[in-house]
Amino acid sequence: MENNRFETPVTVKGAAGTTQLLRTAREASDYLLNNWPGKRSPKHREALQACHDALAGDKPAMIARRAFIAAAREVNVFVSDKAPV
């Protein structure tokens, strides 16, 4: 069974001024592939690879989460890495 759940979800900007909560490496990967607003930079590629590695069980989800946050900050879609209250 896949264990790709983030310990703490990541909140990013979604469509039309909304926010989106990403809880797993799969959700982060889907966002990177389908909703990414910016240029597909090296940080984007690193995040995508880290998510795929987590999904394959090769690396912990924490690594994918960190890489995703770095890429999201780069294109200003990162909102929060704190647990929602």
PDB file of N, CA and C in Angstrom:
ATOM      1  N   MET A   1       0.838  -1.188   0.000  1.00  0.00           N
ATOM      2  CA  MET A   1       0.000   0.000   0.000  1.00  0.00           C
ATOM      3  C   MET A   1       0.877   1.244   0.000  1.00  0.00           C
ATOM      4  N   GLU A   2       0.483   2.233  -0.786  1.00  0.00           N
ATOM      5  CA  GLU A   2       1.228   3.484  -0.869  1.00  0.00           C
ATOM      6  C   GLU A   2       1.132   4.257   0.444  1.00  0.00           C
ATOM      7  N   ASN A   3       2.263   4.786   0.883  1.00  0.00           N
ATOM      8  CA  ASN A   3       2.254   5.682   2.033  1.00  0.00           C
ATOM      9  C   ASN A   3       2.846   7.001   1.569  1.00  0.00           C
ATOM     10  N   ASN A   4       2.037   7.781   0.841  1.00  0.00           N
ATOM     11  CA  ASN A   4       2.528   9.030   0.281  1.00  0.00           C
ATOM     12  C   ASN A   4       1.840  10.248   0.896  1.00  0.00           C
ATOM     13  N   ARG A   5       1.192  10.047   2.044  1.00  0.00           N
ATOM     14  CA  ARG A   5       0.481  11.136   2.717  1.00  0.00           C
ATOM     15  C   ARG A   5       1.477  12.069   3.392  1.00  0.00           C
ATOM     16  N   PHE A   6       1.248  13.376   3.205  1.00  0.00           N
ATOM     17  CA  PHE A   6       2.072  14.383   3.877  1.00  0.00           C
ATOM     18  C   PHE A   6       1.680  14.438   5.342  1.00  0.00           C
ATOM     19  N   GLU A   7       2.658  14.581   6.216  1.00  0.00           N
ATOM     20  CA  GLU A   7       2.376  14.701   7.647  1.00  0.00           C
ATOM     21  C   GLU A   7       1.503  15.932   7.916  1.00  0.00           C
ATOM     22  N   THR A   8       1.812  17.035   7.224  1.00  0.00           N
ATOM     23  CA  THR A   8       1.019  18.258   7.297  1.00  0.00           C
ATOM     24  C   THR A   8       0.697  18.667   5.870  1.00  0.00           C
ATOM     25  N   PRO A   9      -0.577  18.919   5.551  1.00  0.00           N
ATOM     26  CA  PRO A   9      -0.934  19.315   4.189  1.00  0.00           C
ATOM     27  C   PRO A   9      -0.288  20.641   3.782  1.00  0.00           C
ATOM     28  N   VAL A  10      -0.253  20.877   2.489  1.00  0.00           N
ATOM     29  CA  VAL A  10       0.265  22.119   1.924  1.00  0.00           C
ATOM     30  C   VAL A  10      -0.898  22.833   1.256  1.00  0.00           C
ATOM     31  N   THR A  11      -1.039  24.134   1.525  1.00  0.00           N
ATOM     32  CA  THR A  11      -2.082  24.929   0.896  1.00  0.00           C
ATOM     33  C   THR A  11      -1.468  25.782  -0.198  1.00  0.00           C
ATOM     34  N   VAL A  12      -2.079  25.730  -1.385  1.00  0.00           N
ATOM     35  CA  VAL A  12      -1.609  26.502  -2.533  1.00  0.00           C
ATOM     36  C   VAL A  12      -2.781  27.261  -3.145  1.00  0.00           C
ATOM     37  N   LYS A  13      -2.454  28.218  -3.994  1.00  0.00           N
ATOM     38  CA  LYS A  13      -3.493  28.951  -4.713  1.00  0.00           C
ATOM     39  C   LYS A  13      -4.083  28.055  -5.785  1.00  0.00           C
ATOM     40  N   GLY A  14      -5.402  28.073  -5.856  1.00  0.00           N
ATOM     41  CA  GLY A  14      -6.104  27.304  -6.876  1.00  0.00           C
ATOM     42  C   GLY A  14      -6.663  28.232  -7.936  1.00  0.00           C
ATOM     43  N   ALA A  15      -7.619  27.751  -8.679  1.00  0.00           N
ATOM     44  CA  ALA A  15      -8.242  28.532  -9.741  1.00  0.00           C
ATOM     45  C   ALA A  15      -9.144  29.625  -9.169  1.00  0.00           C
ATOM     46  N   ALA A  16      -9.209  30.737  -9.856  1.00  0.00           N
ATOM     47  CA  ALA A  16     -10.122  31.845  -9.548  1.00  0.00           C
ATOM     48  C   ALA A  16     -10.028  32.332  -8.102  1.00  0.00           C
ATOM     49  N   GLY A  17      -8.813  32.450  -7.590  1.00  0.00           N
ATOM     50  CA  GLY A  17      -8.623  33.014  -6.257  1.00  0.00           C
ATOM     51  C   GLY A  17      -8.942  32.085  -5.100  1.00  0.00           C
ATOM     52  N   THR A  18      -9.170  30.822  -5.373  1.00  0.00           N
ATOM     53  CA  THR A  18      -9.446  29.860  -4.311  1.00  0.00           C
ATOM     54  C   THR A  18      -8.126  29.304  -3.773  1.00  0.00           C
ATOM     55  N   THR A  19      -8.221  28.504  -2.732  1.00  0.00           N
ATOM     56  CA  THR A  19      -7.045  27.785  -2.253  1.00  0.00           C
ATOM     57  C   THR A  19      -7.322  26.294  -2.365  1.00  0.00           C
ATOM     58  N   GLN A  20      -6.253  25.543  -2.432  1.00  0.00           N
ATOM     59  CA  GLN A  20      -6.360  24.099  -2.576  1.00  0.00           C
ATOM     60  C   GLN A  20      -5.457  23.444  -1.544  1.00  0.00           C
ATOM     61  N   LEU A  21      -5.976  22.446  -0.859  1.00  0.00           N
ATOM     62  CA  LEU A  21      -5.229  21.716   0.160  1.00  0.00           C
ATOM     63  C   LEU A  21      -4.707  20.417  -0.452  1.00  0.00           C
ATOM     64  N   LEU A  22      -3.386  20.244  -0.404  1.00  0.00           N
ATOM     65  CA  LEU A  22      -2.761  19.042  -0.952  1.00  0.00           C
ATOM     66  C   LEU A  22      -2.282  18.191   0.207  1.00  0.00           C
ATOM     67  N   ARG A  23      -2.771  16.942   0.272  1.00  0.00           N
ATOM     68  CA  ARG A  23      -2.483  16.062   1.411  1.00  0.00           C
ATOM     69  C   ARG A  23      -1.528  14.921   1.087  1.00  0.00           C
ATOM     70  N   THR A  24      -1.306  14.672  -0.193  1.00  0.00           N
ATOM     71  CA  THR A  24      -0.479  13.522  -0.586  1.00  0.00           C
ATOM     72  C   THR A  24       0.458  13.894  -1.735  1.00  0.00           C
ATOM     73  N   ALA A  25       1.445  13.033  -1.938  1.00  0.00           N
ATOM     74  CA  ALA A  25       2.347  13.219  -3.075  1.00  0.00           C
ATOM     75  C   ALA A  25       1.574  13.102  -4.390  1.00  0.00           C
ATOM     76  N   ARG A  26       0.537  12.267  -4.423  1.00  0.00           N
ATOM     77  CA  ARG A  26      -0.271  12.144  -5.639  1.00  0.00           C
ATOM     78  C   ARG A  26      -1.000  13.451  -5.949  1.00  0.00           C
ATOM     79  N   GLU A  27      -1.596  14.074  -4.933  1.00  0.00           N
ATOM     80  CA  GLU A  27      -2.278  15.356  -5.145  1.00  0.00           C
ATOM     81  C   GLU A  27      -1.294  16.438  -5.581  1.00  0.00           C
ATOM     82  N   ALA A  28      -0.103  16.441  -4.987  1.00  0.00           N
ATOM     83  CA  ALA A  28       0.922  17.412  -5.378  1.00  0.00           C
ATOM     84  C   ALA A  28       1.357  17.172  -6.822  1.00  0.00           C
ATOM     85  N   SER A  29       1.544  15.922  -7.187  1.00  0.00           N
ATOM     86  CA  SER A  29       1.924  15.580  -8.556  1.00  0.00           C
ATOM     87  C   SER A  29       0.853  16.024  -9.548  1.00  0.00           C
ATOM     88  N   ASP A  30      -0.410  15.774  -9.228  1.00  0.00           N
ATOM     89  CA  ASP A  30      -1.513  16.196 -10.096  1.00  0.00           C
ATOM     90  C   ASP A  30      -1.519  17.714 -10.265  1.00  0.00           C
ATOM     91  N   TYR A  31      -1.278  18.428  -9.180  1.00  0.00           N
ATOM     92  CA  TYR A  31      -1.224  19.895  -9.249  1.00  0.00           C
ATOM     93  C   TYR A  31      -0.067  20.333 -10.157  1.00  0.00           C
ATOM     94  N   LEU A  32       1.091  19.718  -9.979  1.00  0.00           N
ATOM     95  CA  LEU A  32       2.261  20.058 -10.798  1.00  0.00           C
ATOM     96  C   LEU A  32       1.994  19.813 -12.285  1.00  0.00           C
ATOM     97  N   LEU A  33       1.268  18.765 -12.592  1.00  0.00           N
ATOM     98  CA  LEU A  33       1.007  18.404 -13.985  1.00  0.00           C
ATOM     99  C   LEU A  33      -0.159  19.167 -14.601  1.00  0.00           C
ATOM    100  N   ASN A  34      -1.198  19.440 -13.816  1.00  0.00           N
ATOM    101  CA  ASN A  34      -2.442  19.954 -14.393  1.00  0.00           C
ATOM    102  C   ASN A  34      -2.812  21.388 -14.025  1.00  0.00           C
ATOM    103  N   ASN A  35      -2.260  21.930 -12.956  1.00  0.00           N
ATOM    104  CA  ASN A  35      -2.672  23.249 -12.499  1.00  0.00           C
ATOM    105  C   ASN A  35      -1.508  24.227 -12.349  1.00  0.00           C
ATOM    106  N   TRP A  36      -0.332  23.828 -12.762  1.00  0.00           N
ATOM    107  CA  TRP A  36       0.856  24.642 -12.536  1.00  0.00           C
ATOM    108  C   TRP A  36       0.766  25.931 -13.346  1.00  0.00           C
ATOM    109  N   PRO A  37       0.821  27.085 -12.668  1.00  0.00           N
ATOM    110  CA  PRO A  37       0.628  28.355 -13.368  1.00  0.00           C
ATOM    111  C   PRO A  37       1.902  28.931 -13.980  1.00  0.00           C
ATOM    112  N   GLY A  38       3.031  28.467 -13.536  1.00  0.00           N
ATOM    113  CA  GLY A  38       4.275  29.105 -13.961  1.00  0.00           C
ATOM    114  C   GLY A  38       5.079  28.265 -14.919  1.00  0.00           C
ATOM    115  N   LYS A  39       6.284  28.740 -15.121  1.00  0.00           N
ATOM    116  CA  LYS A  39       7.245  28.070 -15.972  1.00  0.00           C
ATOM    117  C   LYS A  39       7.656  26.734 -15.346  1.00  0.00           C
ATOM    118  N   ARG A  40       7.905  25.778 -16.149  1.00  0.00           N
ATOM    119  CA  ARG A  40       8.348  24.463 -15.659  1.00  0.00           C
ATOM    120  C   ARG A  40       9.869  24.496 -15.508  1.00  0.00           C
ATOM    121  N   SER A  41      10.268  25.005 -14.379  1.00  0.00           N
ATOM    122  CA  SER A  41      11.672  25.248 -14.058  1.00  0.00           C
ATOM    123  C   SER A  41      12.334  23.980 -13.504  1.00  0.00           C
ATOM    124  N   PRO A  42      13.637  24.055 -13.217  1.00  0.00           N
ATOM    125  CA  PRO A  42      14.285  22.918 -12.564  1.00  0.00           C
ATOM    126  C   PRO A  42      13.633  22.550 -11.231  1.00  0.00           C
ATOM    127  N   LYS A  43      13.167  23.532 -10.459  1.00  0.00           N
ATOM    128  CA  LYS A  43      12.496  23.218  -9.185  1.00  0.00           C
ATOM    129  C   LYS A  43      11.192  22.473  -9.437  1.00  0.00           C
ATOM    130  N   HIS A  44      10.480  22.839 -10.493  1.00  0.00           N
ATOM    131  CA  HIS A  44       9.248  22.136 -10.861  1.00  0.00           C
ATOM    132  C   HIS A  44       9.569  20.677 -11.195  1.00  0.00           C
ATOM    133  N   ARG A  45      10.595  20.472 -12.006  1.00  0.00           N
ATOM    134  CA  ARG A  45      10.989  19.110 -12.384  1.00  0.00           C
ATOM    135  C   ARG A  45      11.444  18.303 -11.173  1.00  0.00           C
ATOM    136  N   GLU A  46      12.191  18.939 -10.268  1.00  0.00           N
ATOM    137  CA  GLU A  46      12.640  18.247  -9.054  1.00  0.00           C
ATOM    138  C   GLU A  46      11.448  17.836  -8.192  1.00  0.00           C
ATOM    139  N   ALA A  47      10.462  18.730  -8.079  1.00  0.00           N
ATOM    140  CA  ALA A  47       9.273  18.416  -7.284  1.00  0.00           C
ATOM    141  C   ALA A  47       8.492  17.266  -7.910  1.00  0.00           C
ATOM    142  N   LEU A  48       8.351  17.300  -9.213  1.00  0.00           N
ATOM    143  CA  LEU A  48       7.630  16.235  -9.907  1.00  0.00           C
ATOM    144  C   LEU A  48       8.346  14.892  -9.728  1.00  0.00           C
ATOM    145  N   GLN A  49       9.663  14.895  -9.850  1.00  0.00           N
ATOM    146  CA  GLN A  49      10.426  13.666  -9.660  1.00  0.00           C
ATOM    147  C   GLN A  49      10.310  13.167  -8.227  1.00  0.00           C
ATOM    148  N   ALA A  50      10.374  14.090  -7.260  1.00  0.00           N
ATOM    149  CA  ALA A  50      10.263  13.699  -5.850  1.00  0.00           C
ATOM    150  C   ALA A  50       8.887  13.099  -5.558  1.00  0.00           C
ATOM    151  N   CYS A  51       7.841  13.665  -6.151  1.00  0.00           N
ATOM    152  CA  CYS A  51       6.495  13.106  -5.980  1.00  0.00           C
ATOM    153  C   CYS A  51       6.417  11.708  -6.579  1.00  0.00           C
ATOM    154  N   HIS A  52       6.979  11.526  -7.757  1.00  0.00           N
ATOM    155  CA  HIS A  52       6.959  10.210  -8.393  1.00  0.00           C
ATOM    156  C   HIS A  52       7.760   9.199  -7.575  1.00  0.00           C
ATOM    157  N   ASP A  53       8.890   9.634  -7.025  1.00  0.00           N
ATOM    158  CA  ASP A  53       9.692   8.744  -6.178  1.00  0.00           C
ATOM    159  C   ASP A  53       8.917   8.331  -4.929  1.00  0.00           C
ATOM    160  N   ALA A  54       8.176   9.276  -4.343  1.00  0.00           N
ATOM    161  CA  ALA A  54       7.362   8.967  -3.161  1.00  0.00           C
ATOM    162  C   ALA A  54       6.246   7.986  -3.521  1.00  0.00           C
ATOM    163  N   LEU A  55       5.631   8.203  -4.665  1.00  0.00           N
ATOM    164  CA  LEU A  55       4.554   7.311  -5.106  1.00  0.00           C
ATOM    165  C   LEU A  55       5.072   5.900  -5.380  1.00  0.00           C
ATOM    166  N   ALA A  56       6.301   5.811  -5.844  1.00  0.00           N
ATOM    167  CA  ALA A  56       6.903   4.507  -6.124  1.00  0.00           C
ATOM    168  C   ALA A  56       7.437   3.841  -4.860  1.00  0.00           C
ATOM    169  N   GLY A  57       7.449   4.595  -3.748  1.00  0.00           N
ATOM    170  CA  GLY A  57       7.955   4.051  -2.497  1.00  0.00           C
ATOM    171  C   GLY A  57       9.468   4.142  -2.364  1.00  0.00           C
ATOM    172  N   ASP A  58      10.102   4.900  -3.272  1.00  0.00           N
ATOM    173  CA  ASP A  58      11.559   5.018  -3.254  1.00  0.00           C
ATOM    174  C   ASP A  58      12.064   6.074  -2.279  1.00  0.00           C
ATOM    175  N   LYS A  59      11.228   7.064  -1.988  1.00  0.00           N
ATOM    176  CA  LYS A  59      11.611   8.141  -1.067  1.00  0.00           C
ATOM    177  C   LYS A  59      10.422   8.489  -0.195  1.00  0.00           C
ATOM    178  N   PRO A  60      10.672   9.060   0.980  1.00  0.00           N
ATOM    179  CA  PRO A  60       9.560   9.439   1.856  1.00  0.00           C
ATOM    180  C   PRO A  60       8.757  10.625   1.289  1.00  0.00           C
ATOM    181  N   ALA A  61       7.493  10.678   1.649  1.00  0.00           N
ATOM    182  CA  ALA A  61       6.620  11.770   1.208  1.00  0.00           C
ATOM    183  C   ALA A  61       7.143  13.123   1.686  1.00  0.00           C
ATOM    184  N   MET A  62       7.853  13.151   2.807  1.00  0.00           N
ATOM    185  CA  MET A  62       8.400  14.400   3.336  1.00  0.00           C
ATOM    186  C   MET A  62       9.335  15.063   2.316  1.00  0.00           C
ATOM    187  N   ILE A  63      10.102  14.281   1.574  1.00  0.00           N
ATOM    188  CA  ILE A  63      11.018  14.825   0.559  1.00  0.00           C
ATOM    189  C   ILE A  63      10.205  15.454  -0.568  1.00  0.00           C
ATOM    190  N   ALA A  64       9.145  14.779  -0.990  1.00  0.00           N
ATOM    191  CA  ALA A  64       8.279  15.320  -2.040  1.00  0.00           C
ATOM    192  C   ALA A  64       7.626  16.613  -1.574  1.00  0.00           C
ATOM    193  N   ARG A  65       7.198  16.637  -0.330  1.00  0.00           N
ATOM    194  CA  ARG A  65       6.555  17.832   0.229  1.00  0.00           C
ATOM    195  C   ARG A  65       7.511  19.022   0.205  1.00  0.00           C
ATOM    196  N   ARG A  66       8.737  18.803   0.655  1.00  0.00           N
ATOM    197  CA  ARG A  66       9.736  19.889   0.663  1.00  0.00           C
ATOM    198  C   ARG A  66      10.018  20.401  -0.744  1.00  0.00           C
ATOM    199  N   ALA A  67      10.186  19.487  -1.688  1.00  0.00           N
ATOM    200  CA  ALA A  67      10.470  19.877  -3.072  1.00  0.00           C
ATOM    201  C   ALA A  67       9.279  20.626  -3.671  1.00  0.00           C
ATOM    202  N   PHE A  68       8.066  20.162  -3.358  1.00  0.00           N
ATOM    203  CA  PHE A  68       6.873  20.837  -3.865  1.00  0.00           C
ATOM    204  C   PHE A  68       6.786  22.259  -3.317  1.00  0.00           C
ATOM    205  N   ILE A  69       7.030  22.436  -2.020  1.00  0.00           N
ATOM    206  CA  ILE A  69       6.964  23.769  -1.409  1.00  0.00           C
ATOM    207  C   ILE A  69       7.984  24.703  -2.061  1.00  0.00           C
ATOM    208  N   ALA A  70       9.193  24.218  -2.305  1.00  0.00           N
ATOM    209  CA  ALA A  70      10.222  25.049  -2.944  1.00  0.00           C
ATOM    210  C   ALA A  70       9.767  25.512  -4.329  1.00  0.00           C
ATOM    211  N   ALA A  71       9.177  24.600  -5.102  1.00  0.00           N
ATOM    212  CA  ALA A  71       8.698  24.955  -6.437  1.00  0.00           C
ATOM    213  C   ALA A  71       7.511  25.909  -6.354  1.00  0.00           C
ATOM    214  N   ALA A  72       6.608  25.676  -5.409  1.00  0.00           N
ATOM    215  CA  ALA A  72       5.423  26.532  -5.257  1.00  0.00           C
ATOM    216  C   ALA A  72       5.807  27.947  -4.836  1.00  0.00           C
ATOM    217  N   ARG A  73       6.796  28.064  -3.981  1.00  0.00           N
ATOM    218  CA  ARG A  73       7.283  29.396  -3.586  1.00  0.00           C
ATOM    219  C   ARG A  73       7.847  30.143  -4.796  1.00  0.00           C
ATOM    220  N   GLU A  74       8.531  29.418  -5.659  1.00  0.00           N
ATOM    221  CA  GLU A  74       9.172  30.022  -6.824  1.00  0.00           C
ATOM    222  C   GLU A  74       8.159  30.709  -7.744  1.00  0.00           C
ATOM    223  N   VAL A  75       6.946  30.144  -7.863  1.00  0.00           N
ATOM    224  CA  VAL A  75       5.935  30.734  -8.759  1.00  0.00           C
ATOM    225  C   VAL A  75       4.809  31.431  -7.990  1.00  0.00           C
ATOM    226  N   ASN A  76       5.035  31.653  -6.716  1.00  0.00           N
ATOM    227  CA  ASN A  76       4.104  32.411  -5.854  1.00  0.00           C
ATOM    228  C   ASN A  76       2.712  31.796  -5.751  1.00  0.00           C
ATOM    229  N   VAL A  77       2.627  30.475  -5.673  1.00  0.00           N
ATOM    230  CA  VAL A  77       1.336  29.834  -5.428  1.00  0.00           C
ATOM    231  C   VAL A  77       1.275  29.241  -4.020  1.00  0.00           C
ATOM    232  N   PHE A  78       2.410  29.244  -3.334  1.00  0.00           N
ATOM    233  CA  PHE A  78       2.450  28.708  -1.968  1.00  0.00           C
ATOM    234  C   PHE A  78       1.662  29.610  -1.040  1.00  0.00           C
ATOM    235  N   VAL A  79       0.784  29.017  -0.216  1.00  0.00           N
ATOM    236  CA  VAL A  79       0.014  29.772   0.767  1.00  0.00           C
ATOM    237  C   VAL A  79       0.465  29.422   2.172  1.00  0.00           C
ATOM    238  N   SER A  80       0.483  28.123   2.506  1.00  0.00           N
ATOM    239  CA  SER A  80       0.806  27.718   3.878  1.00  0.00           C
ATOM    240  C   SER A  80       1.271  26.275   3.942  1.00  0.00           C
ATOM    241  N   ASP A  81       2.143  26.022   4.912  1.00  0.00           N
ATOM    242  CA  ASP A  81       2.516  24.633   5.192  1.00  0.00           C
ATOM    243  C   ASP A  81       2.153  24.278   6.612  1.00  0.00           C
ATOM    244  N   LYS A  82       1.172  24.985   7.164  1.00  0.00           N
ATOM    245  CA  LYS A  82       0.673  24.724   8.515  1.00  0.00           C
ATOM    246  C   LYS A  82      -0.631  23.940   8.412  1.00  0.00           C
ATOM    247  N   ALA A  83      -0.892  23.160   9.426  1.00  0.00           N
ATOM    248  CA  ALA A  83      -2.133  22.388   9.455  1.00  0.00           C
ATOM    249  C   ALA A  83      -3.330  23.334   9.565  1.00  0.00           C
ATOM    250  N   PRO A  84      -4.390  23.096   8.795  1.00  0.00           N
ATOM    251  CA  PRO A  84      -5.588  23.928   8.907  1.00  0.00           C
ATOM    252  C   PRO A  84      -6.251  23.745  10.264  1.00  0.00           C
ATOM    253  N   VAL A  85      -6.841  24.804  10.778  1.00  0.00           N
ATOM    254  CA  VAL A  85      -7.505  24.729  12.080  1.00  0.00           C
ATOM    255  C   VAL A  85      -8.985  24.583  11.956  1.00  0.00           C
TER     256      VAL A  85
END
